[in-house]
Amino acid sequence: MKKVCFFIVASLLFVTNSFAQQGKYGTYYDQRATLFEYLPVTSSDIIFLGNSLTDGCEWGELFGNPHIKNRGISGDVVMGIYDRITPILKGKPAKIFLMSGINDVSHDLTADSVVVMLRKLVIKIKTDSPKTKLYLQSLLPVNDEFTRFPKVHNKTQVIIDINKGIKLLAKEKGCTYIDLYSRLIAPGTQSLNKKYTNDGLHLLGPGYLIWKEVLKPYVK
């Protein structure tokens, strides 16, 4: 009996410690977010802020600009960005390019709830660093011909509705809305063009080149 009790207690402690080590948003989030706390941000910097789509690009190299800093974290959600943005805003960066929401969609959140959280994030940025130019990027399209990410591949209408909300939010809060969605869909569809992706969600190199072309006037 004592052995059984010991095993149960040990198992519970293991599960508890595992959750503690993983943190609220996961182990990779903690690894990146705690690193970002020690990497300086200055008023000359341009911050790319988001999830795996942002994390997956070498933005400084792509634009040939050493002032661009990548603050993307794969798997991040809107409130994850909210919870880690303070060290960024302390540096009063010149510009922030924000894209967030697709992972919230994968958690079955409604378009309205995602936009409400984005509004909270935008208000924090505008309040804590009012001179920072904030660019709200649309969510990208997805392609349901792929099967790797089933929780987002069938959410095209939700994505479209979120983008409408982001556009209105940008107007309401004096930000710049950037439409990437329409530049990455296949002609005559609402699907991510297959020449820009190999999993229906993330981008290949040519997709990032399109992204760069859209952002080029704003980065300058």
C-alpha atoms as a PDB file:
ATOM      1  CA  MET A   1       0.000   0.000   0.000  1.00  0.00           C
ATOM      2  CA  LYS A   2       2.827   2.394   0.891  1.00  0.00           C
ATOM      3  CA  LYS A   3       4.490   1.642  -2.449  1.00  0.00           C
ATOM      4  CA  VAL A   4       1.253   2.428  -4.299  1.00  0.00           C
ATOM      5  CA  CYS A   5       0.816   5.724  -2.405  1.00  0.00           C
ATOM      6  CA  PHE A   6       4.424   6.667  -3.094  1.00  0.00           C
ATOM      7  CA  PHE A   7       3.963   5.948  -6.793  1.00  0.00           C
ATOM      8  CA  ILE A   8       0.806   8.092  -6.968  1.00  0.00           C
ATOM      9  CA  VAL A   9       2.450  11.008  -5.160  1.00  0.00           C
ATOM     10  CA  ALA A  10       5.559  10.761  -7.326  1.00  0.00           C
ATOM     11  CA  SER A  11       3.419  10.713 -10.466  1.00  0.00           C
ATOM     12  CA  LEU A  12       1.475  13.788  -9.364  1.00  0.00           C
ATOM     13  CA  LEU A  13       4.682  15.641  -8.586  1.00  0.00           C
ATOM     14  CA  PHE A  14       6.056  14.746 -12.025  1.00  0.00           C
ATOM     15  CA  VAL A  15       2.918  16.028 -13.770  1.00  0.00           C
ATOM     16  CA  THR A  16       2.938  19.218 -11.656  1.00  0.00           C
ATOM     17  CA  ASN A  17       6.606  19.868 -12.369  1.00  0.00           C
ATOM     18  CA  SER A  18       6.081  19.213 -16.069  1.00  0.00           C
ATOM     19  CA  PHE A  19       3.347  21.859 -16.237  1.00  0.00           C
ATOM     20  CA  ALA A  20       5.512  24.261 -14.233  1.00  0.00           C
ATOM     21  CA  GLN A  21       8.448  23.745 -16.578  1.00  0.00           C
ATOM     22  CA  GLN A  22       6.239  24.116 -19.641  1.00  0.00           C
ATOM     23  CA  GLY A  23       4.754  27.408 -18.468  1.00  0.00           C
ATOM     24  CA  LYS A  24       1.535  29.059 -19.531  1.00  0.00           C
ATOM     25  CA  TYR A  25       2.264  29.106 -23.261  1.00  0.00           C
ATOM     26  CA  GLY A  26       4.735  26.234 -23.644  1.00  0.00           C
ATOM     27  CA  THR A  27       8.444  25.525 -23.417  1.00  0.00           C
ATOM     28  CA  TYR A  28       9.462  27.146 -26.712  1.00  0.00           C
ATOM     29  CA  TYR A  29       7.572  30.299 -25.775  1.00  0.00           C
ATOM     30  CA  ASP A  30       9.483  30.479 -22.484  1.00  0.00           C
ATOM     31  CA  GLN A  31      12.804  29.871 -24.220  1.00  0.00           C
ATOM     32  CA  ARG A  32      12.260  32.689 -26.699  1.00  0.00           C
ATOM     33  CA  ALA A  33      10.430  35.127 -24.433  1.00  0.00           C
ATOM     34  CA  THR A  34      13.050  34.961 -21.683  1.00  0.00           C
ATOM     35  CA  LEU A  35      15.787  35.502 -24.276  1.00  0.00           C
ATOM     36  CA  PHE A  36      13.990  38.541 -25.662  1.00  0.00           C
ATOM     37  CA  GLU A  37      13.958  40.068 -22.184  1.00  0.00           C
ATOM     38  CA  TYR A  38      17.752  40.388 -22.428  1.00  0.00           C
ATOM     39  CA  LEU A  39      18.029  41.520 -26.051  1.00  0.00           C
ATOM     40  CA  PRO A  40      17.957  45.321 -26.269  1.00  0.00           C
ATOM     41  CA  VAL A  41      15.440  47.277 -28.309  1.00  0.00           C
ATOM     42  CA  THR A  42      16.158  50.895 -29.245  1.00  0.00           C
ATOM     43  CA  SER A  43      14.203  53.745 -30.783  1.00  0.00           C
ATOM     44  CA  SER A  44      15.909  53.008 -34.126  1.00  0.00           C
ATOM     45  CA  ASP A  45      14.626  49.451 -34.290  1.00  0.00           C
ATOM     46  CA  ILE A  46      11.878  47.904 -36.393  1.00  0.00           C
ATOM     47  CA  ILE A  47      10.208  45.004 -34.622  1.00  0.00           C
ATOM     48  CA  PHE A  48       8.536  42.088 -36.370  1.00  0.00           C
ATOM     49  CA  LEU A  49       6.133  40.635 -33.844  1.00  0.00           C
ATOM     50  CA  GLY A  50       4.075  37.471 -34.205  1.00  0.00           C
ATOM     51  CA  ASN A  51       3.980  33.690 -34.284  1.00  0.00           C
ATOM     52  CA  SER A  52       5.644  30.989 -36.414  1.00  0.00           C
ATOM     53  CA  LEU A  53       5.030  32.898 -39.642  1.00  0.00           C
ATOM     54  CA  THR A  54       7.131  35.754 -38.263  1.00  0.00           C
ATOM     55  CA  ASP A  55       9.545  33.502 -36.405  1.00  0.00           C
ATOM     56  CA  GLY A  56      10.283  31.589 -39.607  1.00  0.00           C
ATOM     57  CA  CYS A  57      11.908  34.439 -41.527  1.00  0.00           C
ATOM     58  CA  GLU A  58      15.274  36.187 -41.331  1.00  0.00           C
ATOM     59  CA  TRP A  59      13.745  39.644 -41.679  1.00  0.00           C
ATOM     60  CA  GLY A  60      16.916  41.657 -41.199  1.00  0.00           C
ATOM     61  CA  GLU A  61      18.661  39.747 -43.966  1.00  0.00           C
ATOM     62  CA  LEU A  62      15.600  39.779 -46.209  1.00  0.00           C
ATOM     63  CA  PHE A  63      15.416  43.575 -46.095  1.00  0.00           C
ATOM     64  CA  GLY A  64      19.158  44.147 -45.667  1.00  0.00           C
ATOM     65  CA  ASN A  65      18.397  46.232 -42.587  1.00  0.00           C
ATOM     66  CA  PRO A  66      20.297  45.683 -39.301  1.00  0.00           C
ATOM     67  CA  HIS A  67      17.685  47.646 -37.355  1.00  0.00           C
ATOM     68  CA  ILE A  68      15.036  44.970 -37.995  1.00  0.00           C
ATOM     69  CA  LYS A  69      14.609  42.570 -35.094  1.00  0.00           C
ATOM     70  CA  ASN A  70      12.557  39.387 -35.113  1.00  0.00           C
ATOM     71  CA  ARG A  71      10.350  38.890 -32.059  1.00  0.00           C
ATOM     72  CA  GLY A  72       8.252  36.047 -33.425  1.00  0.00           C
ATOM     73  CA  ILE A  73       7.548  32.920 -31.395  1.00  0.00           C
ATOM     74  CA  SER A  74       6.198  29.810 -33.062  1.00  0.00           C
ATOM     75  CA  GLY A  75       2.849  28.816 -31.608  1.00  0.00           C
ATOM     76  CA  ASP A  76       2.238  32.185 -29.970  1.00  0.00           C
ATOM     77  CA  VAL A  77      -1.255  33.590 -29.460  1.00  0.00           C
ATOM     78  CA  VAL A  78      -2.488  37.159 -29.076  1.00  0.00           C
ATOM     79  CA  MET A  79      -2.388  37.153 -25.281  1.00  0.00           C
ATOM     80  CA  GLY A  80       1.010  35.479 -25.367  1.00  0.00           C
ATOM     81  CA  ILE A  81       2.311  38.521 -27.216  1.00  0.00           C
ATOM     82  CA  TYR A  82       0.504  40.798 -24.782  1.00  0.00           C
ATOM     83  CA  ASP A  83       2.194  39.084 -21.844  1.00  0.00           C
ATOM     84  CA  ARG A  84       5.707  39.432 -23.297  1.00  0.00           C
ATOM     85  CA  ILE A  85       5.594  42.805 -25.007  1.00  0.00           C
ATOM     86  CA  THR A  86       6.699  45.034 -22.120  1.00  0.00           C
ATOM     87  CA  PRO A  87      10.481  44.585 -22.712  1.00  0.00           C
ATOM     88  CA  ILE A  88       9.920  45.539 -26.356  1.00  0.00           C
ATOM     89  CA  LEU A  89       7.914  48.654 -25.552  1.00  0.00           C
ATOM     90  CA  LYS A  90      10.457  49.821 -22.992  1.00  0.00           C
ATOM     91  CA  GLY A  91      12.848  50.364 -25.910  1.00  0.00           C
ATOM     92  CA  LYS A  92      10.346  52.619 -27.732  1.00  0.00           C
ATOM     93  CA  PRO A  93      10.971  51.061 -31.171  1.00  0.00           C
ATOM     94  CA  ALA A  94      10.445  53.131 -34.286  1.00  0.00           C
ATOM     95  CA  LYS A  95       8.022  50.639 -35.845  1.00  0.00           C
ATOM     96  CA  ILE A  96       6.223  47.422 -34.987  1.00  0.00           C
ATOM     97  CA  PHE A  97       4.849  45.068 -37.619  1.00  0.00           C
ATOM     98  CA  LEU A  98       2.305  42.869 -35.863  1.00  0.00           C
ATOM     99  CA  MET A  99       0.647  39.697 -37.082  1.00  0.00           C
ATOM    100  CA  SER A 100      -1.252  37.494 -34.654  1.00  0.00           C
ATOM    101  CA  GLY A 101      -4.433  35.460 -34.417  1.00  0.00           C
ATOM    102  CA  ILE A 102      -4.090  32.288 -36.493  1.00  0.00           C
ATOM    103  CA  ASN A 103      -3.160  30.154 -33.486  1.00  0.00           C
ATOM    104  CA  ASP A 104      -6.144  31.543 -31.612  1.00  0.00           C
ATOM    105  CA  VAL A 105      -8.254  30.403 -34.575  1.00  0.00           C
ATOM    106  CA  SER A 106      -6.804  26.903 -34.194  1.00  0.00           C
ATOM    107  CA  HIS A 107      -8.090  26.946 -30.608  1.00  0.00           C
ATOM    108  CA  ASP A 108     -11.615  27.513 -31.980  1.00  0.00           C
ATOM    109  CA  LEU A 109     -11.918  31.132 -30.848  1.00  0.00           C
ATOM    110  CA  THR A 110     -14.410  33.282 -32.706  1.00  0.00           C
ATOM    111  CA  ALA A 111     -13.375  36.144 -34.960  1.00  0.00           C
ATOM    112  CA  ASP A 112     -14.886  38.684 -32.560  1.00  0.00           C
ATOM    113  CA  SER A 113     -12.972  37.331 -29.568  1.00  0.00           C
ATOM    114  CA  VAL A 114      -9.677  37.427 -31.466  1.00  0.00           C
ATOM    115  CA  VAL A 115     -10.273  41.041 -32.518  1.00  0.00           C
ATOM    116  CA  VAL A 116     -11.159  41.994 -28.919  1.00  0.00           C
ATOM    117  CA  MET A 117      -7.813  40.601 -27.733  1.00  0.00           C
ATOM    118  CA  LEU A 118      -5.980  42.352 -30.563  1.00  0.00           C
ATOM    119  CA  ARG A 119      -7.641  45.617 -29.525  1.00  0.00           C
ATOM    120  CA  LYS A 120      -6.315  45.129 -25.989  1.00  0.00           C
ATOM    121  CA  LEU A 121      -2.821  44.527 -27.383  1.00  0.00           C
ATOM    122  CA  VAL A 122      -2.987  47.560 -29.672  1.00  0.00           C
ATOM    123  CA  ILE A 123      -4.119  49.790 -26.804  1.00  0.00           C
ATOM    124  CA  LYS A 124      -1.157  48.631 -24.712  1.00  0.00           C
ATOM    125  CA  ILE A 125       1.295  49.372 -27.524  1.00  0.00           C
ATOM    126  CA  LYS A 126      -0.197  52.802 -28.206  1.00  0.00           C
ATOM    127  CA  THR A 127      -0.253  53.644 -24.492  1.00  0.00           C
ATOM    128  CA  ASP A 128       3.225  52.438 -23.522  1.00  0.00           C
ATOM    129  CA  SER A 129       5.031  53.567 -26.670  1.00  0.00           C
ATOM    130  CA  PRO A 130       2.866  56.225 -28.373  1.00  0.00           C
ATOM    131  CA  LYS A 131       5.537  57.328 -30.860  1.00  0.00           C
ATOM    132  CA  THR A 132       5.974  53.816 -32.253  1.00  0.00           C
ATOM    133  CA  LYS A 133       4.392  53.412 -35.684  1.00  0.00           C
ATOM    134  CA  LEU A 134       2.184  50.341 -35.524  1.00  0.00           C
ATOM    135  CA  TYR A 135       1.364  48.279 -38.599  1.00  0.00           C
ATOM    136  CA  LEU A 136      -1.411  45.695 -38.301  1.00  0.00           C
ATOM    137  CA  GLN A 137      -0.920  42.936 -40.829  1.00  0.00           C
ATOM    138  CA  SER A 138      -3.792  40.764 -42.000  1.00  0.00           C
ATOM    139  CA  LEU A 139      -3.820  37.078 -41.262  1.00  0.00           C
ATOM    140  CA  LEU A 140      -2.605  34.995 -44.180  1.00  0.00           C
ATOM    141  CA  PRO A 141      -4.847  32.634 -46.142  1.00  0.00           C
ATOM    142  CA  VAL A 142      -4.704  28.875 -45.584  1.00  0.00           C
ATOM    143  CA  ASN A 143      -5.153  25.965 -47.978  1.00  0.00           C
ATOM    144  CA  ASP A 144      -7.414  23.050 -47.049  1.00  0.00           C
ATOM    145  CA  GLU A 145      -5.908  20.776 -49.693  1.00  0.00           C
ATOM    146  CA  PHE A 146      -3.235  20.084 -47.104  1.00  0.00           C
ATOM    147  CA  THR A 147      -4.042  18.031 -44.001  1.00  0.00           C
ATOM    148  CA  ARG A 148      -1.280  18.844 -41.539  1.00  0.00           C
ATOM    149  CA  PHE A 149      -3.168  21.590 -39.677  1.00  0.00           C
ATOM    150  CA  PRO A 150      -6.841  20.552 -39.749  1.00  0.00           C
ATOM    151  CA  LYS A 151      -7.823  22.996 -36.999  1.00  0.00           C
ATOM    152  CA  VAL A 152      -7.134  25.990 -39.257  1.00  0.00           C
ATOM    153  CA  HIS A 153      -7.528  24.672 -42.790  1.00  0.00           C
ATOM    154  CA  ASN A 154     -11.311  24.863 -42.626  1.00  0.00           C
ATOM    155  CA  LYS A 155     -11.421  28.307 -40.992  1.00  0.00           C
ATOM    156  CA  THR A 156     -11.183  30.541 -44.054  1.00  0.00           C
ATOM    157  CA  GLN A 157     -14.332  32.491 -43.209  1.00  0.00           C
ATOM    158  CA  VAL A 158     -13.123  33.092 -39.650  1.00  0.00           C
ATOM    159  CA  ILE A 159      -9.836  34.404 -41.044  1.00  0.00           C
ATOM    160  CA  ILE A 160     -11.675  36.702 -43.456  1.00  0.00           C
ATOM    161  CA  ASP A 161     -13.830  38.025 -40.595  1.00  0.00           C
ATOM    162  CA  ILE A 162     -10.778  38.621 -38.391  1.00  0.00           C
ATOM    163  CA  ASN A 163      -9.111  40.555 -41.188  1.00  0.00           C
ATOM    164  CA  LYS A 164     -12.189  42.761 -41.514  1.00  0.00           C
ATOM    165  CA  GLY A 165     -11.978  43.375 -37.782  1.00  0.00           C
ATOM    166  CA  ILE A 166      -8.267  44.163 -37.941  1.00  0.00           C
ATOM    167  CA  LYS A 167      -8.863  46.676 -40.717  1.00  0.00           C
ATOM    168  CA  LEU A 168     -11.535  48.436 -38.647  1.00  0.00           C
ATOM    169  CA  LEU A 169      -9.315  48.297 -35.564  1.00  0.00           C
ATOM    170  CA  ALA A 170      -6.450  49.923 -37.470  1.00  0.00           C
ATOM    171  CA  LYS A 171      -8.726  52.757 -38.550  1.00  0.00           C
ATOM    172  CA  GLU A 172     -10.122  53.158 -35.037  1.00  0.00           C
ATOM    173  CA  LYS A 173      -6.708  53.309 -33.360  1.00  0.00           C
ATOM    174  CA  GLY A 174      -4.782  55.250 -35.990  1.00  0.00           C
ATOM    175  CA  CYS A 175      -2.644  52.341 -37.169  1.00  0.00           C
ATOM    176  CA  THR A 176      -1.765  51.215 -40.687  1.00  0.00           C
ATOM    177  CA  TYR A 177      -3.538  48.111 -41.976  1.00  0.00           C
ATOM    178  CA  ILE A 178      -1.552  45.930 -44.381  1.00  0.00           C
ATOM    179  CA  ASP A 179      -3.404  43.442 -46.555  1.00  0.00           C
ATOM    180  CA  LEU A 180      -1.206  40.401 -47.107  1.00  0.00           C
ATOM    181  CA  TYR A 181      -4.130  38.009 -47.518  1.00  0.00           C
ATOM    182  CA  SER A 182      -5.124  39.090 -51.011  1.00  0.00           C
ATOM    183  CA  ARG A 183      -1.531  38.968 -52.249  1.00  0.00           C
ATOM    184  CA  LEU A 184      -1.040  35.327 -51.295  1.00  0.00           C
ATOM    185  CA  ILE A 185      -4.255  33.670 -52.459  1.00  0.00           C
ATOM    186  CA  ALA A 186      -4.449  31.625 -55.638  1.00  0.00           C
ATOM    187  CA  PRO A 187      -6.307  33.490 -58.415  1.00  0.00           C
ATOM    188  CA  GLY A 188     -10.065  33.045 -58.219  1.00  0.00           C
ATOM    189  CA  THR A 189      -9.962  31.408 -54.782  1.00  0.00           C
ATOM    190  CA  GLN A 190      -9.677  32.227 -51.077  1.00  0.00           C
ATOM    191  CA  SER A 191      -6.893  29.655 -50.598  1.00  0.00           C
ATOM    192  CA  LEU A 192      -3.199  30.153 -49.968  1.00  0.00           C
ATOM    193  CA  ASN A 193      -1.446  29.686 -53.298  1.00  0.00           C
ATOM    194  CA  LYS A 194       0.260  26.279 -53.336  1.00  0.00           C
ATOM    195  CA  LYS A 195       3.387  27.735 -54.878  1.00  0.00           C
ATOM    196  CA  TYR A 196       3.970  29.657 -51.638  1.00  0.00           C
ATOM    197  CA  THR A 197       3.467  26.802 -49.154  1.00  0.00           C
ATOM    198  CA  ASN A 198       4.198  23.137 -48.524  1.00  0.00           C
ATOM    199  CA  ASP A 199       1.819  22.604 -45.612  1.00  0.00           C
ATOM    200  CA  GLY A 200      -1.133  24.903 -46.280  1.00  0.00           C
ATOM    201  CA  LEU A 201      -0.254  27.324 -43.479  1.00  0.00           C
ATOM    202  CA  HIS A 202       3.416  28.313 -43.432  1.00  0.00           C
ATOM    203  CA  LEU A 203       5.359  29.951 -46.231  1.00  0.00           C
ATOM    204  CA  LEU A 204       8.128  28.867 -48.529  1.00  0.00           C
ATOM    205  CA  GLY A 205      10.822  31.325 -49.617  1.00  0.00           C
ATOM    206  CA  PRO A 206       8.791  32.752 -52.542  1.00  0.00           C
ATOM    207  CA  GLY A 207       5.951  33.515 -50.136  1.00  0.00           C
ATOM    208  CA  TYR A 208       8.251  35.561 -47.948  1.00  0.00           C
ATOM    209  CA  LEU A 209       9.437  37.441 -51.013  1.00  0.00           C
ATOM    210  CA  ILE A 210       5.830  38.462 -51.712  1.00  0.00           C
ATOM    211  CA  TRP A 211       5.495  39.510 -48.070  1.00  0.00           C
ATOM    212  CA  LYS A 212       8.639  41.592 -48.416  1.00  0.00           C
ATOM    213  CA  GLU A 213       7.341  43.367 -51.509  1.00  0.00           C
ATOM    214  CA  VAL A 214       4.129  44.316 -49.726  1.00  0.00           C
ATOM    215  CA  LEU A 215       5.989  45.662 -46.685  1.00  0.00           C
ATOM    216  CA  LYS A 216       8.814  47.404 -48.502  1.00  0.00           C
ATOM    217  CA  PRO A 217       7.170  50.881 -48.656  1.00  0.00           C
ATOM    218  CA  TYR A 218       6.337  50.722 -44.938  1.00  0.00           C
ATOM    219  CA  VAL A 219       9.716  49.430 -43.785  1.00  0.00           C
ATOM    220  CA  LYS A 220      11.454  52.297 -45.538  1.00  0.00           C
END
